[in-house]
Amino acid sequence: MAEVFSGFIVGYVLAIIVGPLGAVMLVRENRHTGFAQRAAPPGTSIVALSVVIHFAAMLVLTALGLVLGMALAGLDARHPRDGLGSPNLLYTVMVIAITVIIVAPAVAAPKLRRPVGIVALTLLVAFGWAVPWLAQLGG
């Protein structure tokens, strides 16, 4: 149960960070890209946009954390081997593989490489390493 709860906590902490950061980035980019202009037209309140982004991120990231926490709980019972700085090597490799599969198409666009790389690295550290360590502390 500690694994599932740690996944929820990590997902919620990420959602708290993503809300205001995403709103500021969208408002700053609304002069340059069509998507940002449609999502946050000039004059959009950063606070209101931050609340909307936070709510969406909270739903998505906490659900992702819960699912990954359940996967960790299942893998901990079968393969609790350490590796790559994580208490569960198989779980961390699984998170790395999922992240690479999701991020690989976006890396093809040169303009998206840096932001997608930062997001991928953040997700890897948060879900790949923080969840198992937090679960081990709670267990």
C-alpha atoms as a PDB file:
ATOM      1  CA  MET A   1       0.000   0.000   0.000  1.00  0.00           C
ATOM      2  CA  ALA A   2       2.947   2.357   0.623  1.00  0.00           C
ATOM      3  CA  GLU A   3       3.916   2.046  -3.053  1.00  0.00           C
ATOM      4  CA  VAL A   4       0.520   3.231  -4.299  1.00  0.00           C
ATOM      5  CA  PHE A   5       0.411   6.112  -1.828  1.00  0.00           C
ATOM      6  CA  SER A   6       3.941   7.207  -2.742  1.00  0.00           C
ATOM      7  CA  GLY A   7       2.961   7.231  -6.428  1.00  0.00           C
ATOM      8  CA  PHE A   8      -0.016   9.435  -5.582  1.00  0.00           C
ATOM      9  CA  ILE A   9       2.149  11.830  -3.544  1.00  0.00           C
ATOM     10  CA  VAL A  10       4.794  12.153  -6.258  1.00  0.00           C
ATOM     11  CA  GLY A  11       2.115  12.730  -8.910  1.00  0.00           C
ATOM     12  CA  TYR A  12       0.460  15.422  -6.805  1.00  0.00           C
ATOM     13  CA  VAL A  13       3.757  17.213  -6.127  1.00  0.00           C
ATOM     14  CA  LEU A  14       4.433  17.251  -9.867  1.00  0.00           C
ATOM     15  CA  ALA A  15       0.932  18.641 -10.479  1.00  0.00           C
ATOM     16  CA  ILE A  16       1.593  21.467  -8.009  1.00  0.00           C
ATOM     17  CA  ILE A  17       4.724  22.383  -9.971  1.00  0.00           C
ATOM     18  CA  VAL A  18       3.191  21.950 -13.440  1.00  0.00           C
ATOM     19  CA  GLY A  19       0.194  24.268 -12.884  1.00  0.00           C
ATOM     20  CA  PRO A  20       1.887  27.640 -12.494  1.00  0.00           C
ATOM     21  CA  LEU A  21       4.903  26.722 -14.619  1.00  0.00           C
ATOM     22  CA  GLY A  22       2.708  25.605 -17.526  1.00  0.00           C
ATOM     23  CA  ALA A  23       0.552  28.733 -17.304  1.00  0.00           C
ATOM     24  CA  VAL A  24       3.543  31.060 -17.382  1.00  0.00           C
ATOM     25  CA  MET A  25       5.080  29.172 -20.306  1.00  0.00           C
ATOM     26  CA  LEU A  26       1.835  29.273 -22.314  1.00  0.00           C
ATOM     27  CA  VAL A  27       1.310  32.984 -21.754  1.00  0.00           C
ATOM     28  CA  ARG A  28       4.928  33.755 -22.701  1.00  0.00           C
ATOM     29  CA  GLU A  29       4.698  31.669 -25.877  1.00  0.00           C
ATOM     30  CA  ASN A  30       1.353  33.004 -27.097  1.00  0.00           C
ATOM     31  CA  ARG A  31       3.137  35.484 -29.372  1.00  0.00           C
ATOM     32  CA  HIS A  32       5.095  32.743 -31.155  1.00  0.00           C
ATOM     33  CA  THR A  33       3.001  29.612 -31.659  1.00  0.00           C
ATOM     34  CA  GLY A  34      -0.513  28.902 -32.854  1.00  0.00           C
ATOM     35  CA  PHE A  35      -1.270  26.392 -30.099  1.00  0.00           C
ATOM     36  CA  ALA A  36      -0.356  28.827 -27.342  1.00  0.00           C
ATOM     37  CA  GLN A  37      -2.459  31.553 -28.982  1.00  0.00           C
ATOM     38  CA  ARG A  38      -5.480  29.253 -29.010  1.00  0.00           C
ATOM     39  CA  ALA A  39      -4.922  27.933 -25.475  1.00  0.00           C
ATOM     40  CA  ALA A  40      -4.049  31.284 -23.899  1.00  0.00           C
ATOM     41  CA  PRO A  41      -5.033  34.268 -26.058  1.00  0.00           C
ATOM     42  CA  PRO A  42      -3.500  37.634 -25.177  1.00  0.00           C
ATOM     43  CA  GLY A  43      -5.020  38.985 -21.980  1.00  0.00           C
ATOM     44  CA  THR A  44      -5.539  35.559 -20.378  1.00  0.00           C
ATOM     45  CA  SER A  45      -5.188  35.560 -16.616  1.00  0.00           C
ATOM     46  CA  ILE A  46      -2.179  33.507 -15.536  1.00  0.00           C
ATOM     47  CA  VAL A  47      -3.876  32.606 -12.250  1.00  0.00           C
ATOM     48  CA  ALA A  48      -7.021  31.268 -13.943  1.00  0.00           C
ATOM     49  CA  LEU A  49      -4.969  29.357 -16.508  1.00  0.00           C
ATOM     50  CA  SER A  50      -2.790  27.976 -13.717  1.00  0.00           C
ATOM     51  CA  VAL A  51      -5.857  26.625 -11.900  1.00  0.00           C
ATOM     52  CA  VAL A  52      -7.106  24.877 -15.042  1.00  0.00           C
ATOM     53  CA  ILE A  53      -3.697  23.382 -15.838  1.00  0.00           C
ATOM     54  CA  HIS A  54      -3.216  22.317 -12.212  1.00  0.00           C
ATOM     55  CA  PHE A  55      -6.598  20.560 -12.148  1.00  0.00           C
ATOM     56  CA  ALA A  56      -5.838  18.663 -15.369  1.00  0.00           C
ATOM     57  CA  ALA A  57      -2.306  17.817 -14.235  1.00  0.00           C
ATOM     58  CA  MET A  58      -3.595  16.693 -10.857  1.00  0.00           C
ATOM     59  CA  LEU A  59      -5.957  14.199 -12.486  1.00  0.00           C
ATOM     60  CA  VAL A  60      -3.425  12.872 -14.994  1.00  0.00           C
ATOM     61  CA  LEU A  61      -0.282  12.777 -12.843  1.00  0.00           C
ATOM     62  CA  THR A  62      -1.900  11.361  -9.718  1.00  0.00           C
ATOM     63  CA  ALA A  63      -3.588   8.648 -11.822  1.00  0.00           C
ATOM     64  CA  LEU A  64      -0.241   7.877 -13.451  1.00  0.00           C
ATOM     65  CA  GLY A  65       1.381   7.761 -10.019  1.00  0.00           C
ATOM     66  CA  LEU A  66      -1.297   5.399  -8.707  1.00  0.00           C
ATOM     67  CA  VAL A  67      -0.879   3.034 -11.660  1.00  0.00           C
ATOM     68  CA  LEU A  68       2.912   3.076 -11.390  1.00  0.00           C
ATOM     69  CA  GLY A  69       2.618   2.571  -7.620  1.00  0.00           C
ATOM     70  CA  MET A  70       0.484  -0.521  -8.223  1.00  0.00           C
ATOM     71  CA  ALA A  71       3.079  -1.776 -10.713  1.00  0.00           C
ATOM     72  CA  LEU A  72       5.799  -1.195  -8.129  1.00  0.00           C
ATOM     73  CA  ALA A  73       3.819  -3.075  -5.490  1.00  0.00           C
ATOM     74  CA  GLY A  74       3.455  -6.036  -7.839  1.00  0.00           C
ATOM     75  CA  LEU A  75       7.105  -5.992  -8.856  1.00  0.00           C
ATOM     76  CA  ASP A  76       8.327  -5.588  -5.279  1.00  0.00           C
ATOM     77  CA  ALA A  77       6.697  -8.872  -4.366  1.00  0.00           C
ATOM     78  CA  ARG A  78       8.416 -10.695  -7.238  1.00  0.00           C
ATOM     79  CA  HIS A  79      11.686  -8.896  -8.106  1.00  0.00           C
ATOM     80  CA  PRO A  80      12.954  -6.722  -5.243  1.00  0.00           C
ATOM     81  CA  ARG A  81      16.497  -6.398  -6.668  1.00  0.00           C
ATOM     82  CA  ASP A  82      18.399  -3.109  -6.307  1.00  0.00           C
ATOM     83  CA  GLY A  83      20.001  -1.376  -9.268  1.00  0.00           C
ATOM     84  CA  LEU A  84      20.553   1.958 -11.016  1.00  0.00           C
ATOM     85  CA  GLY A  85      20.256   3.722  -7.664  1.00  0.00           C
ATOM     86  CA  SER A  86      16.746   2.404  -7.136  1.00  0.00           C
ATOM     87  CA  PRO A  87      15.398  -0.131  -4.656  1.00  0.00           C
ATOM     88  CA  ASN A  88      13.724  -1.993  -7.556  1.00  0.00           C
ATOM     89  CA  LEU A  89      15.733  -2.319 -10.764  1.00  0.00           C
ATOM     90  CA  LEU A  90      12.952  -3.859 -12.864  1.00  0.00           C
ATOM     91  CA  TYR A  91      10.495  -1.083 -11.969  1.00  0.00           C
ATOM     92  CA  THR A  92      12.993   1.662 -12.798  1.00  0.00           C
ATOM     93  CA  VAL A  93      13.850   0.043 -16.141  1.00  0.00           C
ATOM     94  CA  MET A  94      10.112  -0.211 -16.870  1.00  0.00           C
ATOM     95  CA  VAL A  95       9.630   3.518 -16.172  1.00  0.00           C
ATOM     96  CA  ILE A  96      12.644   4.376 -18.349  1.00  0.00           C
ATOM     97  CA  ALA A  97      11.266   2.263 -21.218  1.00  0.00           C
ATOM     98  CA  ILE A  98       7.782   3.803 -20.978  1.00  0.00           C
ATOM     99  CA  THR A  99       9.238   7.314 -20.937  1.00  0.00           C
ATOM    100  CA  VAL A 100      11.473   6.642 -23.935  1.00  0.00           C
ATOM    101  CA  ILE A 101       8.558   5.196 -25.915  1.00  0.00           C
ATOM    102  CA  ILE A 102       6.382   8.220 -25.154  1.00  0.00           C
ATOM    103  CA  VAL A 103       9.091  10.849 -25.706  1.00  0.00           C
ATOM    104  CA  ALA A 104      10.852   9.391 -28.780  1.00  0.00           C
ATOM    105  CA  PRO A 105       8.523  10.890 -31.430  1.00  0.00           C
ATOM    106  CA  ALA A 106       8.739  14.389 -29.928  1.00  0.00           C
ATOM    107  CA  VAL A 107      12.546  14.386 -29.967  1.00  0.00           C
ATOM    108  CA  ALA A 108      12.442  14.385 -33.785  1.00  0.00           C
ATOM    109  CA  ALA A 109      11.349  18.053 -33.740  1.00  0.00           C
ATOM    110  CA  PRO A 110      14.400  20.219 -32.987  1.00  0.00           C
ATOM    111  CA  LYS A 111      12.348  22.950 -31.286  1.00  0.00           C
ATOM    112  CA  LEU A 112      10.831  20.439 -28.836  1.00  0.00           C
ATOM    113  CA  ARG A 113      14.019  18.620 -27.834  1.00  0.00           C
ATOM    114  CA  ARG A 114      14.912  20.738 -24.808  1.00  0.00           C
ATOM    115  CA  PRO A 115      11.455  21.052 -23.186  1.00  0.00           C
ATOM    116  CA  VAL A 116      10.577  17.417 -23.875  1.00  0.00           C
ATOM    117  CA  GLY A 117      13.952  16.319 -22.545  1.00  0.00           C
ATOM    118  CA  ILE A 118      13.432  18.304 -19.344  1.00  0.00           C
ATOM    119  CA  VAL A 119       9.940  16.836 -18.879  1.00  0.00           C
ATOM    120  CA  ALA A 120      11.215  13.306 -19.558  1.00  0.00           C
ATOM    121  CA  LEU A 121      14.081  13.686 -17.099  1.00  0.00           C
ATOM    122  CA  THR A 122      11.711  15.059 -14.458  1.00  0.00           C
ATOM    123  CA  LEU A 123       9.284  12.169 -14.932  1.00  0.00           C
ATOM    124  CA  LEU A 124      12.119   9.642 -14.806  1.00  0.00           C
ATOM    125  CA  VAL A 125      13.524  11.027 -11.569  1.00  0.00           C
ATOM    126  CA  ALA A 126      10.108  11.484  -9.959  1.00  0.00           C
ATOM    127  CA  PHE A 127       8.428   8.238 -10.934  1.00  0.00           C
ATOM    128  CA  GLY A 128      11.485   6.041 -11.555  1.00  0.00           C
ATOM    129  CA  TRP A 129      13.440   6.817  -8.416  1.00  0.00           C
ATOM    130  CA  ALA A 130      11.411   8.955  -5.998  1.00  0.00           C
ATOM    131  CA  VAL A 131       8.416   6.590  -5.900  1.00  0.00           C
ATOM    132  CA  PRO A 132      10.426   3.480  -4.901  1.00  0.00           C
ATOM    133  CA  TRP A 133      12.487   5.355  -2.337  1.00  0.00           C
ATOM    134  CA  LEU A 134       9.432   7.039  -0.832  1.00  0.00           C
ATOM    135  CA  ALA A 135       7.644   3.679  -0.704  1.00  0.00           C
ATOM    136  CA  GLN A 136      10.628   2.117   1.019  1.00  0.00           C
ATOM    137  CA  LEU A 137      10.602   4.908   3.619  1.00  0.00           C
ATOM    138  CA  GLY A 138       6.878   4.407   4.196  1.00  0.00           C
ATOM    139  CA  GLY A 139       6.983   0.624   4.274  1.00  0.00           C
END
